[in-house]
């Protein structure tokens, strides 16, 4: 499914077995990550925004 987001804690889960995107802990950092993603998309003129 390419329409779902994934987020992994590579320090504690280097094999990327547990998607933490929908956890309360991830909710704390997601706004900043989304902002960074948007800024990079704009910088590189990414057509998929």
Protein backbone atom coordinates (compact mmCIF):
# COMPACT_ATOMS: atom_id res chain seq x y z
CA UNK A 1 0.00 0.00 0.00
CA UNK A 2 1.78 3.14 -1.17
CA UNK A 3 -0.73 5.48 0.44
CA UNK A 4 0.28 4.78 4.03
CA UNK A 5 3.05 6.49 5.96
CA UNK A 6 5.80 4.64 7.77
CA UNK A 7 8.19 5.78 10.48
CA UNK A 8 10.83 3.66 12.16
CA UNK A 9 13.11 4.13 15.15
CA UNK A 10 16.33 2.98 13.50
CA UNK A 11 18.28 3.06 16.76
CA UNK A 12 15.94 0.64 18.55
CA UNK A 13 14.53 -1.14 15.49
CA UNK A 14 17.30 -1.28 12.85
CA UNK A 15 15.48 -4.00 10.91
CA UNK A 16 12.42 -1.75 10.56
CA UNK A 17 9.98 -4.31 11.89
CA UNK A 18 7.73 -1.97 13.88
CA UNK A 19 6.09 1.00 12.19
CA UNK A 20 5.70 3.68 14.87
CA UNK A 21 3.93 6.23 12.69
CA UNK A 22 0.61 5.95 14.54
CA UNK A 23 2.02 5.90 18.07
CA UNK A 24 1.68 8.73 20.60
CA UNK A 25 5.47 9.05 20.71
CA UNK A 26 5.63 9.66 16.96
CA UNK A 27 2.86 12.25 17.15
CA UNK A 28 5.28 14.48 19.05
CA UNK A 29 7.83 14.62 16.21
CA UNK A 30 5.59 14.24 13.15
CA UNK A 31 4.79 17.94 12.69
CA UNK A 32 8.49 18.79 12.51
CA UNK A 33 9.23 15.88 10.17
CA UNK A 34 6.38 16.90 7.86
CA UNK A 35 7.65 20.48 7.83
CA UNK A 36 11.14 19.28 6.92
CA UNK A 37 9.72 17.07 4.17
CA UNK A 38 7.73 19.95 2.71
CA UNK A 39 10.78 22.24 2.77
CA UNK A 40 12.86 19.65 0.93
CA UNK A 41 10.11 19.10 -1.63
CA UNK A 42 10.01 22.81 -2.31
CA UNK A 43 13.80 23.12 -2.44
CA UNK A 44 14.15 20.31 -4.98
CA UNK A 45 10.92 21.16 -6.83
CA UNK A 46 9.52 17.72 -6.17
CA UNK A 47 6.46 17.23 -8.40
CA UNK A 48 4.94 14.79 -5.91
CA UNK A 49 3.78 17.04 -3.11
